[in-house]
Amino acid sequence: MAEVTTYRLSKPEIEAMLQEAAQQGAREALTRIGLSDDNAPHDVRELRQLIDGWRDIKSTALKTIVRWCILAILGILSVGAYVTLGK
């Protein structure tokens, strides 16, 4: 039968192990996605700027489409009123 060994760790030791494991996991994850070099902070800032730009464009495009729809509806109503009242 195999002998069972019991280890006792203090709370600071457990926290230190968890901290080291978390840091190692984060380093590996960043390496896998190509953000482990010195340019990584710059790359992340550029990505955030691109996302912010995309959100601005999306918002502006939606507002523009709504304005066009409102103008089209008003135009159709104007033409209908002109045709109806103009006769």
N, C-alpha and C. Protein backbone atom coordinates (compact mmCIF):
# COMPACT_ATOMS: atom_id res chain seq x y z
N MET A 1 0.84 -1.17 0.00
CA MET A 1 0.00 0.00 0.00
C MET A 1 0.89 1.24 0.00
N ALA A 2 0.49 2.27 -0.75
CA ALA A 2 1.29 3.49 -0.86
C ALA A 2 1.14 4.33 0.39
N GLU A 3 2.24 4.95 0.72
CA GLU A 3 2.25 5.81 1.90
C GLU A 3 1.75 7.20 1.52
N VAL A 4 0.89 7.76 2.33
CA VAL A 4 0.32 9.08 2.08
C VAL A 4 1.11 10.11 2.88
N THR A 5 1.57 11.16 2.17
CA THR A 5 2.31 12.22 2.83
C THR A 5 1.41 13.44 2.93
N THR A 6 1.38 14.02 4.10
CA THR A 6 0.55 15.20 4.32
C THR A 6 1.45 16.42 4.47
N TYR A 7 1.10 17.48 3.76
CA TYR A 7 1.83 18.73 3.86
C TYR A 7 0.94 19.78 4.48
N ARG A 8 1.52 20.61 5.29
CA ARG A 8 0.77 21.72 5.87
C ARG A 8 1.42 23.01 5.40
N LEU A 9 0.61 23.85 4.80
CA LEU A 9 1.09 25.14 4.31
C LEU A 9 0.37 26.25 5.04
N SER A 10 1.09 27.29 5.32
CA SER A 10 0.46 28.45 5.96
C SER A 10 -0.28 29.26 4.90
N LYS A 11 -1.14 30.12 5.37
CA LYS A 11 -1.91 30.96 4.44
C LYS A 11 -1.00 31.80 3.56
N PRO A 12 0.04 32.45 4.08
CA PRO A 12 0.95 33.20 3.20
C PRO A 12 1.64 32.33 2.15
N GLU A 13 1.98 31.08 2.52
CA GLU A 13 2.60 30.18 1.55
C GLU A 13 1.63 29.81 0.43
N ILE A 14 0.39 29.55 0.79
CA ILE A 14 -0.64 29.23 -0.21
C ILE A 14 -0.87 30.42 -1.12
N GLU A 15 -0.96 31.62 -0.52
CA GLU A 15 -1.17 32.83 -1.32
C GLU A 15 0.00 33.07 -2.26
N ALA A 16 1.22 32.83 -1.80
CA ALA A 16 2.40 33.00 -2.65
C ALA A 16 2.38 32.01 -3.81
N MET A 17 1.98 30.77 -3.54
CA MET A 17 1.89 29.78 -4.61
C MET A 17 0.83 30.16 -5.63
N LEU A 18 -0.32 30.61 -5.15
CA LEU A 18 -1.39 31.03 -6.05
C LEU A 18 -0.97 32.23 -6.89
N GLN A 19 -0.28 33.18 -6.26
CA GLN A 19 0.19 34.37 -6.97
C GLN A 19 1.17 33.98 -8.07
N GLU A 20 2.10 33.11 -7.76
CA GLU A 20 3.08 32.66 -8.75
C GLU A 20 2.40 31.91 -9.90
N ALA A 21 1.44 31.05 -9.56
CA ALA A 21 0.71 30.30 -10.59
C ALA A 21 -0.08 31.25 -11.49
N ALA A 22 -0.70 32.25 -10.89
CA ALA A 22 -1.47 33.22 -11.68
C ALA A 22 -0.56 34.01 -12.61
N GLN A 23 0.58 34.44 -12.11
CA GLN A 23 1.52 35.19 -12.95
C GLN A 23 2.06 34.34 -14.09
N GLN A 24 2.39 33.10 -13.80
CA GLN A 24 2.89 32.20 -14.83
C GLN A 24 1.80 31.95 -15.88
N GLY A 25 0.59 31.74 -15.43
CA GLY A 25 -0.51 31.52 -16.38
C GLY A 25 -0.75 32.75 -17.25
N ALA A 26 -0.68 33.93 -16.66
CA ALA A 26 -0.86 35.16 -17.43
C ALA A 26 0.25 35.33 -18.45
N ARG A 27 1.49 35.04 -18.05
CA ARG A 27 2.62 35.13 -19.00
C ARG A 27 2.43 34.18 -20.17
N GLU A 28 2.01 32.96 -19.88
CA GLU A 28 1.80 31.97 -20.95
C GLU A 28 0.66 32.39 -21.87
N ALA A 29 -0.41 32.91 -21.30
CA ALA A 29 -1.54 33.36 -22.12
C ALA A 29 -1.13 34.51 -23.03
N LEU A 30 -0.39 35.48 -22.47
CA LEU A 30 0.07 36.61 -23.29
C LEU A 30 1.03 36.16 -24.38
N THR A 31 1.86 35.18 -24.07
CA THR A 31 2.77 34.64 -25.09
C THR A 31 2.00 33.98 -26.21
N ARG A 32 0.97 33.24 -25.88
CA ARG A 32 0.17 32.54 -26.90
C ARG A 32 -0.53 33.50 -27.85
N ILE A 33 -0.94 34.66 -27.35
CA ILE A 33 -1.65 35.60 -28.23
C ILE A 33 -0.71 36.67 -28.79
N GLY A 34 0.59 36.52 -28.54
CA GLY A 34 1.58 37.41 -29.14
C GLY A 34 1.74 38.74 -28.44
N LEU A 35 1.43 38.81 -27.17
CA LEU A 35 1.56 40.07 -26.43
C LEU A 35 2.59 39.96 -25.31
N SER A 36 3.68 39.24 -25.56
CA SER A 36 4.67 39.06 -24.50
C SER A 36 5.93 39.89 -24.72
N ASP A 37 6.01 40.63 -25.83
CA ASP A 37 7.22 41.41 -26.09
C ASP A 37 7.11 42.83 -25.56
N ASP A 38 8.14 43.62 -25.80
CA ASP A 38 8.17 45.00 -25.29
C ASP A 38 7.15 45.91 -25.97
N ASN A 39 6.66 45.51 -27.14
CA ASN A 39 5.68 46.32 -27.87
C ASN A 39 4.25 46.05 -27.43
N ALA A 40 4.05 45.12 -26.52
CA ALA A 40 2.70 44.72 -26.11
C ALA A 40 1.87 45.89 -25.59
N PRO A 41 2.38 46.76 -24.71
CA PRO A 41 1.55 47.88 -24.24
C PRO A 41 1.10 48.78 -25.40
N HIS A 42 2.01 49.02 -26.33
CA HIS A 42 1.68 49.84 -27.51
C HIS A 42 0.61 49.15 -28.35
N ASP A 43 0.75 47.84 -28.53
CA ASP A 43 -0.23 47.09 -29.31
C ASP A 43 -1.61 47.14 -28.67
N VAL A 44 -1.65 47.01 -27.36
CA VAL A 44 -2.94 47.04 -26.65
C VAL A 44 -3.57 48.41 -26.77
N ARG A 45 -2.77 49.48 -26.65
CA ARG A 45 -3.30 50.83 -26.81
C ARG A 45 -3.87 51.02 -28.22
N GLU A 46 -3.15 50.52 -29.23
CA GLU A 46 -3.64 50.62 -30.61
C GLU A 46 -4.94 49.85 -30.79
N LEU A 47 -5.03 48.68 -30.20
CA LEU A 47 -6.26 47.90 -30.30
C LEU A 47 -7.42 48.64 -29.65
N ARG A 48 -7.17 49.25 -28.50
CA ARG A 48 -8.23 50.02 -27.83
C ARG A 48 -8.67 51.21 -28.68
N GLN A 49 -7.70 51.87 -29.31
CA GLN A 49 -8.04 52.99 -30.18
C GLN A 49 -8.88 52.52 -31.37
N LEU A 50 -8.52 51.37 -31.93
CA LEU A 50 -9.30 50.83 -33.05
C LEU A 50 -10.72 50.48 -32.62
N ILE A 51 -10.85 49.89 -31.45
CA ILE A 51 -12.18 49.53 -30.95
C ILE A 51 -13.00 50.79 -30.68
N ASP A 52 -12.37 51.81 -30.06
CA ASP A 52 -13.07 53.07 -29.82
C ASP A 52 -13.51 53.71 -31.13
N GLY A 53 -12.62 53.69 -32.13
CA GLY A 53 -12.96 54.23 -33.44
C GLY A 53 -14.12 53.48 -34.08
N TRP A 54 -14.09 52.15 -33.97
CA TRP A 54 -15.17 51.33 -34.52
C TRP A 54 -16.49 51.67 -33.85
N ARG A 55 -16.48 51.85 -32.54
CA ARG A 55 -17.71 52.19 -31.82
C ARG A 55 -18.23 53.55 -32.26
N ASP A 56 -17.33 54.51 -32.44
CA ASP A 56 -17.74 55.84 -32.92
C ASP A 56 -18.35 55.76 -34.31
N ILE A 57 -17.71 55.02 -35.19
CA ILE A 57 -18.22 54.87 -36.56
C ILE A 57 -19.59 54.20 -36.56
N LYS A 58 -19.72 53.16 -35.76
CA LYS A 58 -20.99 52.43 -35.68
C LYS A 58 -22.10 53.34 -35.17
N SER A 59 -21.80 54.13 -34.16
CA SER A 59 -22.78 55.05 -33.60
C SER A 59 -23.17 56.13 -34.62
N THR A 60 -22.17 56.69 -35.27
CA THR A 60 -22.43 57.72 -36.28
C THR A 60 -23.24 57.16 -37.45
N ALA A 61 -22.89 55.96 -37.89
CA ALA A 61 -23.62 55.35 -39.01
C ALA A 61 -25.08 55.11 -38.63
N LEU A 62 -25.33 54.65 -37.43
CA LEU A 62 -26.71 54.40 -36.99
C LEU A 62 -27.49 55.71 -36.94
N LYS A 63 -26.87 56.75 -36.40
CA LYS A 63 -27.55 58.06 -36.34
C LYS A 63 -27.84 58.58 -37.74
N THR A 64 -26.91 58.40 -38.65
CA THR A 64 -27.09 58.85 -40.03
C THR A 64 -28.24 58.09 -40.71
N ILE A 65 -28.30 56.80 -40.52
CA ILE A 65 -29.37 56.00 -41.12
C ILE A 65 -30.73 56.43 -40.57
N VAL A 66 -30.80 56.68 -39.28
CA VAL A 66 -32.06 57.13 -38.68
C VAL A 66 -32.45 58.48 -39.27
N ARG A 67 -31.50 59.40 -39.41
CA ARG A 67 -31.81 60.71 -40.01
C ARG A 67 -32.32 60.56 -41.43
N TRP A 68 -31.67 59.70 -42.23
CA TRP A 68 -32.12 59.49 -43.61
C TRP A 68 -33.54 58.93 -43.65
N CYS A 69 -33.83 58.00 -42.77
CA CYS A 69 -35.18 57.42 -42.72
C CYS A 69 -36.21 58.50 -42.36
N ILE A 70 -35.87 59.33 -41.38
CA ILE A 70 -36.80 60.39 -40.99
C ILE A 70 -36.99 61.36 -42.14
N LEU A 71 -35.90 61.74 -42.81
CA LEU A 71 -36.02 62.65 -43.96
C LEU A 71 -36.84 62.02 -45.08
N ALA A 72 -36.66 60.74 -45.32
CA ALA A 72 -37.44 60.06 -46.37
C ALA A 72 -38.92 60.06 -46.01
N ILE A 73 -39.23 59.78 -44.77
CA ILE A 73 -40.64 59.77 -44.33
C ILE A 73 -41.24 61.16 -44.46
N LEU A 74 -40.50 62.18 -44.01
CA LEU A 74 -40.99 63.55 -44.13
C LEU A 74 -41.15 63.96 -45.59
N GLY A 75 -40.22 63.52 -46.43
CA GLY A 75 -40.32 63.81 -47.86
C GLY A 75 -41.56 63.17 -48.48
N ILE A 76 -41.79 61.91 -48.13
CA ILE A 76 -42.97 61.21 -48.65
C ILE A 76 -44.24 61.89 -48.16
N LEU A 77 -44.27 62.28 -46.87
CA LEU A 77 -45.45 62.99 -46.36
C LEU A 77 -45.63 64.34 -47.05
N SER A 78 -44.54 65.03 -47.32
CA SER A 78 -44.62 66.32 -48.02
C SER A 78 -45.16 66.16 -49.42
N VAL A 79 -44.66 65.17 -50.13
CA VAL A 79 -45.15 64.92 -51.49
C VAL A 79 -46.62 64.52 -51.45
N GLY A 80 -47.00 63.69 -50.48
CA GLY A 80 -48.40 63.30 -50.36
C GLY A 80 -49.28 64.49 -50.04
N ALA A 81 -48.83 65.36 -49.16
CA ALA A 81 -49.60 66.55 -48.84
C ALA A 81 -49.71 67.47 -50.03
N TYR A 82 -48.62 67.62 -50.78
CA TYR A 82 -48.63 68.49 -51.96
C TYR A 82 -49.60 67.94 -53.02
N VAL A 83 -49.55 66.64 -53.25
CA VAL A 83 -50.41 66.03 -54.25
C VAL A 83 -51.87 66.13 -53.80
N THR A 84 -52.12 65.88 -52.51
CA THR A 84 -53.48 65.89 -52.00
C THR A 84 -54.04 67.32 -51.96
N LEU A 85 -53.29 68.24 -51.45
CA LEU A 85 -53.77 69.60 -51.29
C LEU A 85 -53.57 70.45 -52.53
N GLY A 86 -52.67 70.05 -53.39
CA GLY A 86 -52.37 70.82 -54.59
C GLY A 86 -53.45 70.68 -55.67
N LYS A 87 -54.25 69.66 -55.62
CA LYS A 87 -55.28 69.44 -56.64
C LYS A 87 -56.44 70.25 -56.31
